[in-house]
């Protein structure tokens, strides 16, 4: 239980919290793996985090970040997000003993893999629509409606 409180109190970011905790307490990697094997709450928390990260696509996220007019700010914020993504993936793999996300859930991993070819184009369409809203003098109401439809499609995927 102390580990769980420590991670929450140490950082807002899961990856940085796990990394810092293991750096300060190197022997607790086995404790975290044991918790994953024996404690349903911890296993569910970690598995939900795996699922969320497996659905994330840093290439598409980079394209969204490029919508920010201030390129230096965009680069700085996206770099922090991307670094935290990789730290979190690494931390979750340490806890689960896997080499990649969802290795222990191949059906879910394959399902997400089948989902992405349908959801990714919706994200790209949304990016185009958002650029048009910002740049064009076109029908912003229609464009906004299309963005909202793309949000629904992505959320449904």
N, C-alpha and C. Protein backbone atom coordinates (compact mmCIF):
# COMPACT_ATOMS: atom_id res chain seq x y z
N UNK A 1 0.83 -1.19 0.00
CA UNK A 1 0.00 0.00 0.00
C UNK A 1 0.87 1.25 0.00
N UNK A 2 1.99 1.23 0.68
CA UNK A 2 2.86 2.39 0.73
C UNK A 2 3.33 2.77 -0.68
N UNK A 3 3.62 1.78 -1.51
CA UNK A 3 4.06 2.04 -2.87
C UNK A 3 3.02 2.83 -3.64
N UNK A 4 1.76 2.43 -3.53
CA UNK A 4 0.68 3.08 -4.25
C UNK A 4 0.56 4.56 -3.86
N UNK A 5 0.65 4.84 -2.57
CA UNK A 5 0.57 6.22 -2.09
C UNK A 5 1.79 6.98 -2.57
N UNK A 6 2.94 6.38 -2.54
CA UNK A 6 4.19 7.03 -2.95
C UNK A 6 4.13 7.43 -4.42
N UNK A 7 3.65 6.54 -5.26
CA UNK A 7 3.58 6.87 -6.68
C UNK A 7 2.64 8.04 -6.92
N UNK A 8 1.52 8.06 -6.25
CA UNK A 8 0.56 9.16 -6.42
C UNK A 8 1.11 10.47 -5.91
N UNK A 9 1.87 10.43 -4.84
CA UNK A 9 2.36 11.65 -4.24
C UNK A 9 3.63 12.17 -4.93
N UNK A 10 4.40 11.26 -5.53
CA UNK A 10 5.69 11.65 -6.09
C UNK A 10 5.54 12.53 -7.32
N UNK A 11 4.67 12.14 -8.23
CA UNK A 11 4.55 12.82 -9.51
C UNK A 11 3.13 12.72 -10.01
N UNK A 12 2.79 13.64 -10.88
CA UNK A 12 1.51 13.53 -11.58
C UNK A 12 1.60 12.54 -12.72
N UNK A 13 2.81 12.26 -13.18
CA UNK A 13 3.03 11.39 -14.32
C UNK A 13 3.35 9.98 -13.84
N UNK A 14 2.66 9.00 -14.38
CA UNK A 14 2.85 7.61 -13.96
C UNK A 14 4.27 7.14 -14.25
N UNK A 15 4.74 7.36 -15.47
CA UNK A 15 6.06 6.87 -15.85
C UNK A 15 7.17 7.46 -15.00
N UNK A 16 7.11 8.76 -14.79
CA UNK A 16 8.13 9.42 -13.99
C UNK A 16 8.05 8.94 -12.54
N UNK A 17 6.83 8.73 -12.04
CA UNK A 17 6.68 8.23 -10.67
C UNK A 17 7.25 6.84 -10.50
N UNK A 18 6.95 5.94 -11.44
CA UNK A 18 7.48 4.57 -11.38
C UNK A 18 9.00 4.60 -11.50
N UNK A 19 9.50 5.36 -12.46
CA UNK A 19 10.95 5.45 -12.68
C UNK A 19 11.67 5.97 -11.44
N UNK A 20 11.15 7.03 -10.86
CA UNK A 20 11.77 7.61 -9.66
C UNK A 20 11.71 6.64 -8.49
N UNK A 21 10.56 5.99 -8.31
CA UNK A 21 10.42 5.06 -7.20
C UNK A 21 11.42 3.90 -7.33
N UNK A 22 11.56 3.36 -8.53
CA UNK A 22 12.49 2.24 -8.71
C UNK A 22 13.94 2.69 -8.61
N UNK A 23 14.23 3.93 -8.99
CA UNK A 23 15.59 4.45 -8.85
C UNK A 23 15.94 4.58 -7.36
N UNK A 24 14.98 5.05 -6.55
CA UNK A 24 15.22 5.22 -5.12
C UNK A 24 15.11 3.92 -4.35
N UNK A 25 14.36 2.94 -4.90
CA UNK A 25 14.12 1.65 -4.23
C UNK A 25 14.28 0.52 -5.24
N UNK A 26 15.51 0.25 -5.68
CA UNK A 26 15.71 -0.70 -6.78
C UNK A 26 15.18 -2.11 -6.49
N UNK A 27 15.09 -2.49 -5.24
CA UNK A 27 14.60 -3.84 -4.91
C UNK A 27 13.09 -3.97 -5.05
N UNK A 28 12.38 -2.87 -5.22
CA UNK A 28 10.92 -2.94 -5.22
C UNK A 28 10.31 -3.28 -6.59
N UNK A 29 11.15 -3.46 -7.60
CA UNK A 29 10.63 -3.94 -8.89
C UNK A 29 9.94 -5.28 -8.71
N UNK A 30 10.55 -6.15 -7.91
CA UNK A 30 9.94 -7.47 -7.67
C UNK A 30 8.67 -7.33 -6.84
N UNK A 31 8.63 -6.35 -5.95
CA UNK A 31 7.41 -6.11 -5.16
C UNK A 31 6.28 -5.66 -6.10
N UNK A 32 6.60 -4.78 -7.02
CA UNK A 32 5.58 -4.29 -7.96
C UNK A 32 5.08 -5.43 -8.86
N UNK A 33 6.00 -6.30 -9.29
CA UNK A 33 5.59 -7.46 -10.11
C UNK A 33 4.74 -8.42 -9.29
N UNK A 34 5.09 -8.60 -8.02
CA UNK A 34 4.30 -9.47 -7.15
C UNK A 34 2.91 -8.87 -6.91
N UNK A 35 2.85 -7.56 -6.72
CA UNK A 35 1.55 -6.89 -6.57
C UNK A 35 0.71 -7.10 -7.82
N UNK A 36 1.35 -7.01 -8.98
CA UNK A 36 0.64 -7.20 -10.25
C UNK A 36 0.08 -8.62 -10.34
N UNK A 37 0.82 -9.57 -9.86
CA UNK A 37 0.39 -10.98 -9.93
C UNK A 37 -0.69 -11.30 -8.91
N UNK A 38 -0.70 -10.59 -7.75
CA UNK A 38 -1.56 -11.01 -6.64
C UNK A 38 -2.68 -10.05 -6.26
N UNK A 39 -2.60 -8.82 -6.65
CA UNK A 39 -3.57 -7.83 -6.18
C UNK A 39 -4.44 -7.39 -7.35
N UNK A 40 -5.70 -7.80 -7.39
CA UNK A 40 -6.57 -7.48 -8.53
C UNK A 40 -6.69 -5.98 -8.82
N UNK A 41 -6.73 -5.15 -7.79
CA UNK A 41 -6.83 -3.71 -8.02
C UNK A 41 -5.63 -3.20 -8.80
N UNK A 42 -4.42 -3.56 -8.35
CA UNK A 42 -3.18 -3.11 -9.00
C UNK A 42 -3.11 -3.65 -10.43
N UNK A 43 -3.43 -4.92 -10.61
CA UNK A 43 -3.42 -5.53 -11.94
C UNK A 43 -4.37 -4.79 -12.89
N UNK A 44 -5.58 -4.48 -12.41
CA UNK A 44 -6.55 -3.77 -13.23
C UNK A 44 -6.05 -2.37 -13.57
N UNK A 45 -5.48 -1.68 -12.61
CA UNK A 45 -4.94 -0.34 -12.84
C UNK A 45 -3.85 -0.37 -13.91
N UNK A 46 -2.92 -1.30 -13.76
CA UNK A 46 -1.81 -1.40 -14.70
C UNK A 46 -2.30 -1.84 -16.08
N UNK A 47 -3.22 -2.81 -16.12
CA UNK A 47 -3.74 -3.28 -17.40
C UNK A 47 -4.55 -2.20 -18.13
N UNK A 48 -5.30 -1.39 -17.39
CA UNK A 48 -6.02 -0.27 -18.01
C UNK A 48 -5.04 0.75 -18.59
N UNK A 49 -3.97 1.00 -17.86
CA UNK A 49 -2.96 1.93 -18.37
C UNK A 49 -2.31 1.37 -19.63
N UNK A 50 -2.04 0.06 -19.64
CA UNK A 50 -1.49 -0.57 -20.85
C UNK A 50 -2.41 -0.37 -22.05
N UNK A 51 -3.70 -0.61 -21.83
CA UNK A 51 -4.66 -0.51 -22.92
C UNK A 51 -4.71 0.92 -23.48
N UNK A 52 -4.72 1.89 -22.59
CA UNK A 52 -4.78 3.29 -23.02
C UNK A 52 -3.53 3.66 -23.82
N UNK A 53 -2.37 3.26 -23.32
CA UNK A 53 -1.13 3.58 -24.02
C UNK A 53 -1.02 2.84 -25.35
N UNK A 54 -1.56 1.62 -25.41
CA UNK A 54 -1.51 0.85 -26.66
C UNK A 54 -2.36 1.52 -27.74
N UNK A 55 -3.37 2.25 -27.34
CA UNK A 55 -4.22 2.96 -28.31
C UNK A 55 -3.60 4.28 -28.76
N UNK A 56 -2.65 4.78 -28.01
CA UNK A 56 -2.03 6.07 -28.34
C UNK A 56 -1.05 5.90 -29.50
N UNK A 57 -0.99 6.90 -30.34
CA UNK A 57 -0.08 6.90 -31.48
C UNK A 57 0.70 8.21 -31.44
N UNK A 58 1.98 8.11 -31.12
CA UNK A 58 2.80 9.31 -30.98
C UNK A 58 3.00 10.03 -32.31
N UNK A 59 2.93 9.31 -33.43
CA UNK A 59 3.05 9.98 -34.73
C UNK A 59 1.85 10.89 -34.98
N UNK A 60 0.67 10.39 -34.67
CA UNK A 60 -0.53 11.22 -34.83
C UNK A 60 -0.54 12.34 -33.79
N UNK A 61 -0.10 12.03 -32.59
CA UNK A 61 -0.03 13.07 -31.55
C UNK A 61 0.90 14.20 -31.98
N UNK A 62 1.99 13.86 -32.65
CA UNK A 62 2.93 14.88 -33.14
C UNK A 62 2.22 15.80 -34.15
N UNK A 63 1.39 15.21 -35.00
CA UNK A 63 0.66 16.02 -35.98
C UNK A 63 -0.31 16.99 -35.29
N UNK A 64 -0.97 16.53 -34.23
CA UNK A 64 -1.84 17.43 -33.46
C UNK A 64 -1.01 18.56 -32.84
N UNK A 65 0.16 18.21 -32.32
CA UNK A 65 1.01 19.22 -31.69
C UNK A 65 1.44 20.28 -32.71
N UNK A 66 1.59 19.88 -33.96
CA UNK A 66 2.00 20.83 -35.00
C UNK A 66 0.92 21.86 -35.31
N UNK A 67 -0.29 21.66 -34.81
CA UNK A 67 -1.34 22.66 -34.98
C UNK A 67 -1.09 23.91 -34.14
N UNK A 68 -0.26 23.79 -33.11
CA UNK A 68 0.04 24.92 -32.23
C UNK A 68 0.87 25.93 -33.03
N UNK A 69 0.43 27.18 -33.09
CA UNK A 69 1.16 28.18 -33.90
C UNK A 69 2.59 28.43 -33.45
N UNK A 70 2.85 28.39 -32.16
CA UNK A 70 4.19 28.61 -31.62
C UNK A 70 4.96 27.29 -31.70
N UNK A 71 5.81 27.16 -32.72
CA UNK A 71 6.49 25.88 -32.96
C UNK A 71 7.43 25.48 -31.82
N UNK A 72 8.07 26.44 -31.18
CA UNK A 72 8.96 26.11 -30.05
C UNK A 72 8.15 25.57 -28.87
N UNK A 73 7.03 26.22 -28.57
CA UNK A 73 6.16 25.74 -27.50
C UNK A 73 5.62 24.35 -27.85
N UNK A 74 5.19 24.17 -29.08
CA UNK A 74 4.68 22.89 -29.54
C UNK A 74 5.73 21.80 -29.36
N UNK A 75 6.95 22.07 -29.80
CA UNK A 75 8.03 21.09 -29.70
C UNK A 75 8.33 20.75 -28.24
N UNK A 76 8.38 21.76 -27.40
CA UNK A 76 8.71 21.56 -25.99
C UNK A 76 7.64 20.72 -25.29
N UNK A 77 6.38 21.04 -25.52
CA UNK A 77 5.30 20.30 -24.86
C UNK A 77 5.20 18.89 -25.42
N UNK A 78 5.28 18.76 -26.74
CA UNK A 78 5.19 17.42 -27.31
C UNK A 78 6.36 16.55 -26.86
N UNK A 79 7.54 17.11 -26.77
CA UNK A 79 8.71 16.34 -26.30
C UNK A 79 8.48 15.81 -24.89
N UNK A 80 7.88 16.63 -24.04
CA UNK A 80 7.58 16.18 -22.67
C UNK A 80 6.54 15.07 -22.68
N UNK A 81 5.52 15.21 -23.51
CA UNK A 81 4.48 14.17 -23.61
C UNK A 81 5.07 12.88 -24.13
N UNK A 82 5.87 12.97 -25.18
CA UNK A 82 6.46 11.78 -25.78
C UNK A 82 7.42 11.08 -24.81
N UNK A 83 8.22 11.86 -24.10
CA UNK A 83 9.15 11.27 -23.13
C UNK A 83 8.38 10.56 -22.01
N UNK A 84 7.30 11.18 -21.54
CA UNK A 84 6.50 10.56 -20.49
C UNK A 84 5.82 9.30 -21.01
N UNK A 85 5.37 9.32 -22.24
CA UNK A 85 4.77 8.12 -22.85
C UNK A 85 5.77 6.96 -22.79
N UNK A 86 6.99 7.21 -23.24
CA UNK A 86 8.00 6.15 -23.27
C UNK A 86 8.40 5.70 -21.85
N UNK A 87 8.50 6.64 -20.92
CA UNK A 87 8.80 6.27 -19.53
C UNK A 87 7.69 5.38 -18.96
N UNK A 88 6.45 5.74 -19.25
CA UNK A 88 5.32 4.97 -18.73
C UNK A 88 5.28 3.58 -19.35
N UNK A 89 5.48 3.48 -20.64
CA UNK A 89 5.52 2.16 -21.29
C UNK A 89 6.61 1.31 -20.65
N UNK A 90 7.79 1.89 -20.46
CA UNK A 90 8.89 1.16 -19.85
C UNK A 90 8.55 0.72 -18.43
N UNK A 91 7.95 1.62 -17.65
CA UNK A 91 7.58 1.29 -16.27
C UNK A 91 6.53 0.18 -16.22
N UNK A 92 5.54 0.26 -17.09
CA UNK A 92 4.50 -0.78 -17.11
C UNK A 92 5.08 -2.12 -17.52
N UNK A 93 6.00 -2.11 -18.47
CA UNK A 93 6.63 -3.37 -18.88
C UNK A 93 7.48 -3.95 -17.75
N UNK A 94 8.11 -3.08 -16.98
CA UNK A 94 8.86 -3.55 -15.81
C UNK A 94 7.92 -4.21 -14.81
N UNK A 95 6.78 -3.59 -14.56
CA UNK A 95 5.82 -4.11 -13.58
C UNK A 95 5.21 -5.43 -14.06
N UNK A 96 4.90 -5.52 -15.35
CA UNK A 96 4.22 -6.71 -15.87
C UNK A 96 5.19 -7.81 -16.29
N UNK A 97 6.47 -7.46 -16.42
CA UNK A 97 7.45 -8.44 -16.88
C UNK A 97 7.36 -8.71 -18.37
N UNK A 98 6.76 -7.80 -19.12
CA UNK A 98 6.58 -7.97 -20.57
C UNK A 98 7.67 -7.20 -21.31
N UNK A 99 7.86 -7.56 -22.58
CA UNK A 99 8.79 -6.80 -23.40
C UNK A 99 8.07 -5.69 -24.16
N UNK A 100 6.73 -5.80 -24.30
CA UNK A 100 5.94 -4.77 -24.98
C UNK A 100 4.56 -4.73 -24.34
N UNK A 101 3.87 -3.61 -24.53
CA UNK A 101 2.52 -3.47 -23.99
C UNK A 101 1.62 -4.59 -24.50
N UNK A 102 0.77 -5.07 -23.63
CA UNK A 102 -0.27 -6.05 -23.94
C UNK A 102 0.26 -7.40 -24.41
N UNK A 103 1.53 -7.69 -24.16
CA UNK A 103 2.05 -9.02 -24.49
C UNK A 103 1.28 -10.11 -23.76
N UNK A 104 0.76 -9.78 -22.57
CA UNK A 104 0.01 -10.77 -21.79
C UNK A 104 -1.47 -10.79 -22.15
N UNK A 105 -1.88 -9.95 -23.09
CA UNK A 105 -3.28 -9.90 -23.53
C UNK A 105 -3.32 -9.85 -25.06
N UNK A 106 -2.94 -10.95 -25.71
CA UNK A 106 -2.83 -10.91 -27.18
C UNK A 106 -4.14 -10.63 -27.90
N UNK A 107 -5.26 -11.05 -27.33
CA UNK A 107 -6.55 -10.79 -27.99
C UNK A 107 -6.83 -9.29 -28.01
N UNK A 108 -6.61 -8.62 -26.87
CA UNK A 108 -6.80 -7.17 -26.81
C UNK A 108 -5.80 -6.45 -27.71
N UNK A 109 -4.55 -6.89 -27.67
CA UNK A 109 -3.51 -6.28 -28.52
C UNK A 109 -3.90 -6.37 -30.00
N UNK A 110 -4.37 -7.56 -30.41
CA UNK A 110 -4.77 -7.76 -31.81
C UNK A 110 -6.01 -6.93 -32.15
N UNK A 111 -6.92 -6.82 -31.19
CA UNK A 111 -8.14 -6.03 -31.41
C UNK A 111 -7.79 -4.56 -31.64
N UNK A 112 -6.88 -4.04 -30.83
CA UNK A 112 -6.44 -2.65 -31.00
C UNK A 112 -5.72 -2.50 -32.34
N UNK A 113 -4.94 -3.50 -32.71
CA UNK A 113 -4.25 -3.47 -33.99
C UNK A 113 -5.22 -3.45 -35.17
N UNK A 114 -6.36 -4.14 -35.02
CA UNK A 114 -7.37 -4.14 -36.08
C UNK A 114 -8.17 -2.83 -36.07
N UNK A 115 -8.27 -2.18 -34.93
CA UNK A 115 -9.04 -0.94 -34.78
C UNK A 115 -8.31 0.23 -35.41
N UNK A 116 -7.01 0.29 -35.23
CA UNK A 116 -6.24 1.47 -35.62
C UNK A 116 -6.35 1.84 -37.11
N UNK A 117 -6.35 0.88 -38.04
CA UNK A 117 -6.48 1.29 -39.45
C UNK A 117 -7.80 2.01 -39.76
N UNK A 118 -8.78 1.87 -38.89
CA UNK A 118 -10.06 2.57 -39.09
C UNK A 118 -10.10 3.90 -38.34
N UNK A 119 -9.49 3.92 -37.18
CA UNK A 119 -9.53 5.13 -36.35
C UNK A 119 -8.48 6.16 -36.81
N UNK A 120 -7.32 5.71 -37.22
CA UNK A 120 -6.26 6.63 -37.62
C UNK A 120 -6.69 7.57 -38.75
N UNK A 121 -7.36 7.08 -39.80
CA UNK A 121 -7.82 8.03 -40.84
C UNK A 121 -8.78 9.08 -40.29
N UNK A 122 -9.60 8.71 -39.31
CA UNK A 122 -10.49 9.70 -38.70
C UNK A 122 -9.67 10.79 -38.00
N UNK A 123 -8.59 10.40 -37.36
CA UNK A 123 -7.72 11.39 -36.72
C UNK A 123 -7.10 12.31 -37.77
N UNK A 124 -6.68 11.74 -38.88
CA UNK A 124 -6.07 12.56 -39.94
C UNK A 124 -7.10 13.50 -40.55
N UNK A 125 -8.32 13.02 -40.74
CA UNK A 125 -9.41 13.89 -41.24
C UNK A 125 -9.65 15.02 -40.25
N UNK A 126 -9.66 14.68 -38.96
CA UNK A 126 -9.87 15.70 -37.94
C UNK A 126 -8.76 16.75 -37.98
N UNK A 127 -7.54 16.33 -38.18
CA UNK A 127 -6.43 17.27 -38.29
C UNK A 127 -6.64 18.24 -39.45
N UNK A 128 -7.05 17.70 -40.59
CA UNK A 128 -7.31 18.55 -41.76
C UNK A 128 -8.43 19.55 -41.45
N UNK A 129 -9.49 19.06 -40.82
CA UNK A 129 -10.62 19.94 -40.48
C UNK A 129 -10.19 21.05 -39.52
N UNK A 130 -9.41 20.69 -38.53
CA UNK A 130 -8.94 21.70 -37.57
C UNK A 130 -8.06 22.75 -38.24
N UNK A 131 -7.21 22.31 -39.17
CA UNK A 131 -6.39 23.27 -39.92
C UNK A 131 -7.27 24.21 -40.74
N UNK A 132 -8.31 23.64 -41.37
CA UNK A 132 -9.21 24.47 -42.18
C UNK A 132 -9.93 25.50 -41.32
N UNK A 133 -10.36 25.07 -40.14
CA UNK A 133 -11.04 26.01 -39.24
C UNK A 133 -10.12 27.17 -38.90
N UNK A 134 -8.86 26.88 -38.66
CA UNK A 134 -7.91 27.92 -38.27
C UNK A 134 -7.47 28.78 -39.44
N UNK A 135 -7.41 28.22 -40.64
CA UNK A 135 -6.82 28.94 -41.78
C UNK A 135 -7.86 29.53 -42.73
N UNK A 136 -8.88 28.78 -43.05
CA UNK A 136 -9.83 29.19 -44.10
C UNK A 136 -10.87 30.15 -43.55
N UNK A 137 -11.47 30.86 -44.46
CA UNK A 137 -12.61 31.69 -44.11
C UNK A 137 -13.90 30.99 -44.48
N UNK A 138 -13.84 29.67 -44.64
CA UNK A 138 -15.00 28.88 -45.08
C UNK A 138 -16.08 28.79 -44.03
N UNK A 139 -16.98 27.88 -44.25
CA UNK A 139 -18.13 27.67 -43.37
C UNK A 139 -17.67 27.01 -42.07
N UNK A 140 -17.34 27.82 -41.09
CA UNK A 140 -16.80 27.31 -39.84
C UNK A 140 -17.81 26.44 -39.09
N UNK A 141 -19.10 26.73 -39.23
CA UNK A 141 -20.12 25.92 -38.55
C UNK A 141 -20.12 24.51 -39.12
N UNK A 142 -20.06 24.39 -40.42
CA UNK A 142 -20.03 23.06 -41.05
C UNK A 142 -18.73 22.33 -40.70
N UNK A 143 -17.63 23.05 -40.70
CA UNK A 143 -16.35 22.43 -40.34
C UNK A 143 -16.35 21.96 -38.89
N UNK A 144 -16.90 22.79 -38.01
CA UNK A 144 -16.97 22.41 -36.61
C UNK A 144 -17.86 21.18 -36.42
N UNK A 145 -18.96 21.14 -37.14
CA UNK A 145 -19.84 19.97 -37.08
C UNK A 145 -19.10 18.72 -37.54
N UNK A 146 -18.30 18.84 -38.58
CA UNK A 146 -17.51 17.70 -39.06
C UNK A 146 -16.47 17.28 -38.03
N UNK A 147 -15.85 18.26 -37.35
CA UNK A 147 -14.89 17.93 -36.28
C UNK A 147 -15.59 17.15 -35.17
N UNK A 148 -16.78 17.61 -34.78
CA UNK A 148 -17.52 16.91 -33.73
C UNK A 148 -17.87 15.49 -34.15
N UNK A 149 -18.22 15.30 -35.41
CA UNK A 149 -18.50 13.95 -35.91
C UNK A 149 -17.24 13.09 -35.87
N UNK A 150 -16.10 13.68 -36.20
CA UNK A 150 -14.85 12.92 -36.15
C UNK A 150 -14.51 12.54 -34.71
N UNK A 151 -14.80 13.42 -33.77
CA UNK A 151 -14.57 13.10 -32.35
C UNK A 151 -15.43 11.90 -31.95
N UNK A 152 -16.69 11.91 -32.36
CA UNK A 152 -17.57 10.78 -32.04
C UNK A 152 -17.04 9.49 -32.67
N UNK A 153 -16.58 9.57 -33.90
CA UNK A 153 -16.06 8.38 -34.57
C UNK A 153 -14.82 7.83 -33.87
N UNK A 154 -13.91 8.71 -33.50
CA UNK A 154 -12.69 8.29 -32.81
C UNK A 154 -13.04 7.68 -31.45
N UNK A 155 -13.93 8.34 -30.72
CA UNK A 155 -14.33 7.83 -29.40
C UNK A 155 -15.04 6.47 -29.52
N UNK A 156 -15.79 6.28 -30.57
CA UNK A 156 -16.48 5.01 -30.75
C UNK A 156 -15.52 3.90 -31.13
N UNK A 157 -14.40 4.27 -31.75
CA UNK A 157 -13.41 3.27 -32.19
C UNK A 157 -12.71 2.67 -31.02
